[in-house]
């Protein structure tokens, strides 16, 4: 069953309640037991020395990538490089401004399958200081083939 796109809004509402009067919640404010149905589509990404690392990858995201990248550097498993650069630029912007960003992209796989990927990217503070972590939902939709399937008889 496909993940509902409303999961983005569900996470935003949860994040918004956890920030209270502050600009953003801290990592310790987020309790996974509060949001169990969101967990398969959630990732945490750490920033350290201007580099990013997958701190946690939900099971649906891992399934989309074909493996669980928890603990791995962000972008190591993603091509093309300009896509990685665009994603890390978005992470930089979210953390610099402390504000959420929603993105949607489409790409065609090597097998000509079209995927629509949407991401809600939210800043988290590690403590009561500046943000150093990303909390995000990532949802993939596989769209009908746009090209003729020439490999079928």
C-alpha atoms as a PDB file:
ATOM      1  CA  UNK A   1       0.000   0.000   0.000  1.00  0.00           C
ATOM      2  CA  UNK A   2       1.275   3.459  -0.904  1.00  0.00           C
ATOM      3  CA  UNK A   3       2.169   5.890   1.848  1.00  0.00           C
ATOM      4  CA  UNK A   4      -0.344   8.749   1.990  1.00  0.00           C
ATOM      5  CA  UNK A   5       1.113  12.142   1.136  1.00  0.00           C
ATOM      6  CA  UNK A   6      -0.694  13.452   4.213  1.00  0.00           C
ATOM      7  CA  UNK A   7       2.163  11.959   6.275  1.00  0.00           C
ATOM      8  CA  UNK A   8       4.108  15.145   5.453  1.00  0.00           C
ATOM      9  CA  UNK A   9       1.394  17.254   7.064  1.00  0.00           C
ATOM     10  CA  UNK A  10       1.163  14.846  10.003  1.00  0.00           C
ATOM     11  CA  UNK A  11       4.879  15.253  10.698  1.00  0.00           C
ATOM     12  CA  UNK A  12       4.726  19.035  10.273  1.00  0.00           C
ATOM     13  CA  UNK A  13       1.883  19.300  12.783  1.00  0.00           C
ATOM     14  CA  UNK A  14       3.758  17.101  15.265  1.00  0.00           C
ATOM     15  CA  UNK A  15       6.975  19.119  14.804  1.00  0.00           C
ATOM     16  CA  UNK A  16       5.022  22.372  15.201  1.00  0.00           C
ATOM     17  CA  UNK A  17       3.481  21.276  18.509  1.00  0.00           C
ATOM     18  CA  UNK A  18       6.882  20.185  19.825  1.00  0.00           C
ATOM     19  CA  UNK A  19       8.526  23.529  19.131  1.00  0.00           C
ATOM     20  CA  UNK A  20       6.120  25.365  21.412  1.00  0.00           C
ATOM     21  CA  UNK A  21       7.116  29.011  21.557  1.00  0.00           C
ATOM     22  CA  UNK A  22      10.619  28.321  20.277  1.00  0.00           C
ATOM     23  CA  UNK A  23      11.855  28.368  16.708  1.00  0.00           C
ATOM     24  CA  UNK A  24      12.302  24.613  16.522  1.00  0.00           C
ATOM     25  CA  UNK A  25      12.232  21.560  18.753  1.00  0.00           C
ATOM     26  CA  UNK A  26      15.351  19.790  19.907  1.00  0.00           C
ATOM     27  CA  UNK A  27      16.076  16.178  19.049  1.00  0.00           C
ATOM     28  CA  UNK A  28      15.133  15.144  22.574  1.00  0.00           C
ATOM     29  CA  UNK A  29      11.655  16.703  22.099  1.00  0.00           C
ATOM     30  CA  UNK A  30      10.847  14.138  19.393  1.00  0.00           C
ATOM     31  CA  UNK A  31       9.428  10.897  20.816  1.00  0.00           C
ATOM     32  CA  UNK A  32       9.058   8.075  18.277  1.00  0.00           C
ATOM     33  CA  UNK A  33       6.287   6.512  20.369  1.00  0.00           C
ATOM     34  CA  UNK A  34       4.171   9.594  19.601  1.00  0.00           C
ATOM     35  CA  UNK A  35       4.312   8.992  15.837  1.00  0.00           C
ATOM     36  CA  UNK A  36       4.576   5.244  15.128  1.00  0.00           C
ATOM     37  CA  UNK A  37       2.714   5.322  11.792  1.00  0.00           C
ATOM     38  CA  UNK A  38       5.120   7.966  10.468  1.00  0.00           C
ATOM     39  CA  UNK A  39       8.320   6.117  11.361  1.00  0.00           C
ATOM     40  CA  UNK A  40       8.686   4.081   8.134  1.00  0.00           C
ATOM     41  CA  UNK A  41       8.793   7.340   6.122  1.00  0.00           C
ATOM     42  CA  UNK A  42      11.015   9.345   8.480  1.00  0.00           C
ATOM     43  CA  UNK A  43      14.741   9.991   8.379  1.00  0.00           C
ATOM     44  CA  UNK A  44      17.128  11.844  10.648  1.00  0.00           C
ATOM     45  CA  UNK A  45      20.206  13.382   9.027  1.00  0.00           C
ATOM     46  CA  UNK A  46      23.086  14.798  11.113  1.00  0.00           C
ATOM     47  CA  UNK A  47      25.364  17.635  10.082  1.00  0.00           C
ATOM     48  CA  UNK A  48      28.962  17.599  11.252  1.00  0.00           C
ATOM     49  CA  UNK A  49      31.754  19.710   9.768  1.00  0.00           C
ATOM     50  CA  UNK A  50      29.584  20.689   6.757  1.00  0.00           C
ATOM     51  CA  UNK A  51      28.970  17.026   5.865  1.00  0.00           C
ATOM     52  CA  UNK A  52      25.761  15.047   6.352  1.00  0.00           C
ATOM     53  CA  UNK A  53      25.202  11.500   7.603  1.00  0.00           C
ATOM     54  CA  UNK A  54      22.085   9.340   7.763  1.00  0.00           C
ATOM     55  CA  UNK A  55      21.464   9.001  11.500  1.00  0.00           C
ATOM     56  CA  UNK A  56      18.271   7.004  11.028  1.00  0.00           C
ATOM     57  CA  UNK A  57      16.436   5.788   7.944  1.00  0.00           C
ATOM     58  CA  UNK A  58      12.841   4.540   8.089  1.00  0.00           C
ATOM     59  CA  UNK A  59      12.009   1.165   6.557  1.00  0.00           C
ATOM     60  CA  UNK A  60      10.096   2.578   3.549  1.00  0.00           C
ATOM     61  CA  UNK A  61      12.943   4.906   2.709  1.00  0.00           C
ATOM     62  CA  UNK A  62      15.415   2.024   3.033  1.00  0.00           C
ATOM     63  CA  UNK A  63      13.199  -0.040   0.734  1.00  0.00           C
ATOM     64  CA  UNK A  64      13.210   2.762  -1.853  1.00  0.00           C
ATOM     65  CA  UNK A  65      17.011   2.901  -1.733  1.00  0.00           C
ATOM     66  CA  UNK A  66      17.389  -0.872  -1.680  1.00  0.00           C
ATOM     67  CA  UNK A  67      19.295  -0.867   1.624  1.00  0.00           C
ATOM     68  CA  UNK A  68      19.383   0.809   5.031  1.00  0.00           C
ATOM     69  CA  UNK A  69      21.947   3.619   4.950  1.00  0.00           C
ATOM     70  CA  UNK A  70      21.787   4.434   8.677  1.00  0.00           C
ATOM     71  CA  UNK A  71      25.238   5.619   9.749  1.00  0.00           C
ATOM     72  CA  UNK A  72      26.440   6.215   6.169  1.00  0.00           C
ATOM     73  CA  UNK A  73      27.454   9.567   4.665  1.00  0.00           C
ATOM     74  CA  UNK A  74      24.586  11.289   2.872  1.00  0.00           C
ATOM     75  CA  UNK A  75      24.906  11.170  -0.901  1.00  0.00           C
ATOM     76  CA  UNK A  76      27.239   8.193  -1.057  1.00  0.00           C
ATOM     77  CA  UNK A  77      24.486   6.060  -2.593  1.00  0.00           C
ATOM     78  CA  UNK A  78      22.794   8.724  -4.731  1.00  0.00           C
ATOM     79  CA  UNK A  79      23.504   9.716  -8.330  1.00  0.00           C
ATOM     80  CA  UNK A  80      23.786  12.040 -10.137  1.00  0.00           C
ATOM     81  CA  UNK A  81      26.074  14.279  -8.119  1.00  0.00           C
ATOM     82  CA  UNK A  82      24.055  17.432  -8.899  1.00  0.00           C
ATOM     83  CA  UNK A  83      21.076  15.825  -7.128  1.00  0.00           C
ATOM     84  CA  UNK A  84      23.188  15.270  -4.010  1.00  0.00           C
ATOM     85  CA  UNK A  85      24.435  18.869  -4.210  1.00  0.00           C
ATOM     86  CA  UNK A  86      20.864  20.178  -4.507  1.00  0.00           C
ATOM     87  CA  UNK A  87      19.724  18.123  -1.502  1.00  0.00           C
ATOM     88  CA  UNK A  88      22.616  19.209   0.700  1.00  0.00           C
ATOM     89  CA  UNK A  89      22.039  22.850  -0.364  1.00  0.00           C
ATOM     90  CA  UNK A  90      18.427  22.451   0.825  1.00  0.00           C
ATOM     91  CA  UNK A  91      19.654  20.958   4.118  1.00  0.00           C
ATOM     92  CA  UNK A  92      22.050  23.907   4.497  1.00  0.00           C
ATOM     93  CA  UNK A  93      19.200  26.381   3.868  1.00  0.00           C
ATOM     94  CA  UNK A  94      16.854  24.674   6.355  1.00  0.00           C
ATOM     95  CA  UNK A  95      19.513  24.704   9.067  1.00  0.00           C
ATOM     96  CA  UNK A  96      20.727  28.242   8.291  1.00  0.00           C
ATOM     97  CA  UNK A  97      17.230  29.722   8.495  1.00  0.00           C
ATOM     98  CA  UNK A  98      15.667  27.255  10.944  1.00  0.00           C
ATOM     99  CA  UNK A  99      12.597  26.921   8.725  1.00  0.00           C
ATOM    100  CA  UNK A 100      10.900  23.951   7.036  1.00  0.00           C
ATOM    101  CA  UNK A 101      11.116  23.242   3.303  1.00  0.00           C
ATOM    102  CA  UNK A 102       8.850  21.037   1.189  1.00  0.00           C
ATOM    103  CA  UNK A 103      10.240  19.682  -2.075  1.00  0.00           C
ATOM    104  CA  UNK A 104       8.900  17.470  -4.829  1.00  0.00           C
ATOM    105  CA  UNK A 105      10.965  16.016  -7.647  1.00  0.00           C
ATOM    106  CA  UNK A 106      10.498  13.544 -10.480  1.00  0.00           C
ATOM    107  CA  UNK A 107      13.104  11.272 -11.938  1.00  0.00           C
ATOM    108  CA  UNK A 108      13.253   8.399 -14.401  1.00  0.00           C
ATOM    109  CA  UNK A 109      15.156   5.287 -13.398  1.00  0.00           C
ATOM    110  CA  UNK A 110      17.496   3.322 -15.642  1.00  0.00           C
ATOM    111  CA  UNK A 111      14.527   1.017 -16.351  1.00  0.00           C
ATOM    112  CA  UNK A 112      12.392   4.004 -17.456  1.00  0.00           C
ATOM    113  CA  UNK A 113      10.146   3.973 -14.399  1.00  0.00           C
ATOM    114  CA  UNK A 114       9.068   7.445 -13.328  1.00  0.00           C
ATOM    115  CA  UNK A 115       9.246   8.204  -9.614  1.00  0.00           C
ATOM    116  CA  UNK A 116       7.801  11.236  -7.872  1.00  0.00           C
ATOM    117  CA  UNK A 117       9.548  11.929  -4.571  1.00  0.00           C
ATOM    118  CA  UNK A 118       8.325  14.440  -2.006  1.00  0.00           C
ATOM    119  CA  UNK A 119      10.205  15.514   1.101  1.00  0.00           C
ATOM    120  CA  UNK A 120       9.316  17.643   4.086  1.00  0.00           C
ATOM    121  CA  UNK A 121      12.586  18.812   5.615  1.00  0.00           C
ATOM    122  CA  UNK A 122      12.473  20.166   9.173  1.00  0.00           C
ATOM    123  CA  UNK A 123      15.258  21.570  11.363  1.00  0.00           C
ATOM    124  CA  UNK A 124      16.030  20.109  14.773  1.00  0.00           C
ATOM    125  CA  UNK A 125      18.380  21.534  17.358  1.00  0.00           C
ATOM    126  CA  UNK A 126      20.698  19.041  19.009  1.00  0.00           C
ATOM    127  CA  UNK A 127      20.366  20.982  22.251  1.00  0.00           C
ATOM    128  CA  UNK A 128      19.078  24.473  22.971  1.00  0.00           C
ATOM    129  CA  UNK A 129      21.538  25.780  20.391  1.00  0.00           C
ATOM    130  CA  UNK A 130      21.591  26.175  16.625  1.00  0.00           C
ATOM    131  CA  UNK A 131      20.082  23.433  14.447  1.00  0.00           C
ATOM    132  CA  UNK A 132      22.406  20.611  13.486  1.00  0.00           C
ATOM    133  CA  UNK A 133      19.959  17.893  12.479  1.00  0.00           C
ATOM    134  CA  UNK A 134      17.326  17.325   9.817  1.00  0.00           C
ATOM    135  CA  UNK A 135      14.048  15.502  10.479  1.00  0.00           C
ATOM    136  CA  UNK A 136      12.254  14.621   7.277  1.00  0.00           C
ATOM    137  CA  UNK A 137       9.559  12.571   5.670  1.00  0.00           C
ATOM    138  CA  UNK A 138      10.331  11.092   2.261  1.00  0.00           C
ATOM    139  CA  UNK A 139       7.557   9.581   0.171  1.00  0.00           C
ATOM    140  CA  UNK A 140       8.017   7.970  -3.234  1.00  0.00           C
ATOM    141  CA  UNK A 141       5.306   7.416  -5.797  1.00  0.00           C
ATOM    142  CA  UNK A 142       5.943   5.185  -8.778  1.00  0.00           C
ATOM    143  CA  UNK A 143       4.097   6.654 -11.709  1.00  0.00           C
ATOM    144  CA  UNK A 144       2.925   4.863 -14.878  1.00  0.00           C
ATOM    145  CA  UNK A 145       5.580   4.416 -17.543  1.00  0.00           C
ATOM    146  CA  UNK A 146       5.838   7.461 -19.782  1.00  0.00           C
ATOM    147  CA  UNK A 147       7.817   5.621 -22.423  1.00  0.00           C
ATOM    148  CA  UNK A 148       6.740   2.628 -24.464  1.00  0.00           C
ATOM    149  CA  UNK A 149       7.856  -0.593 -22.792  1.00  0.00           C
ATOM    150  CA  UNK A 150       9.913  -2.007 -25.702  1.00  0.00           C
ATOM    151  CA  UNK A 151      11.185  -4.908 -23.637  1.00  0.00           C
ATOM    152  CA  UNK A 152       7.748  -6.611 -23.587  1.00  0.00           C
ATOM    153  CA  UNK A 153       6.698  -9.106 -26.268  1.00  0.00           C
END
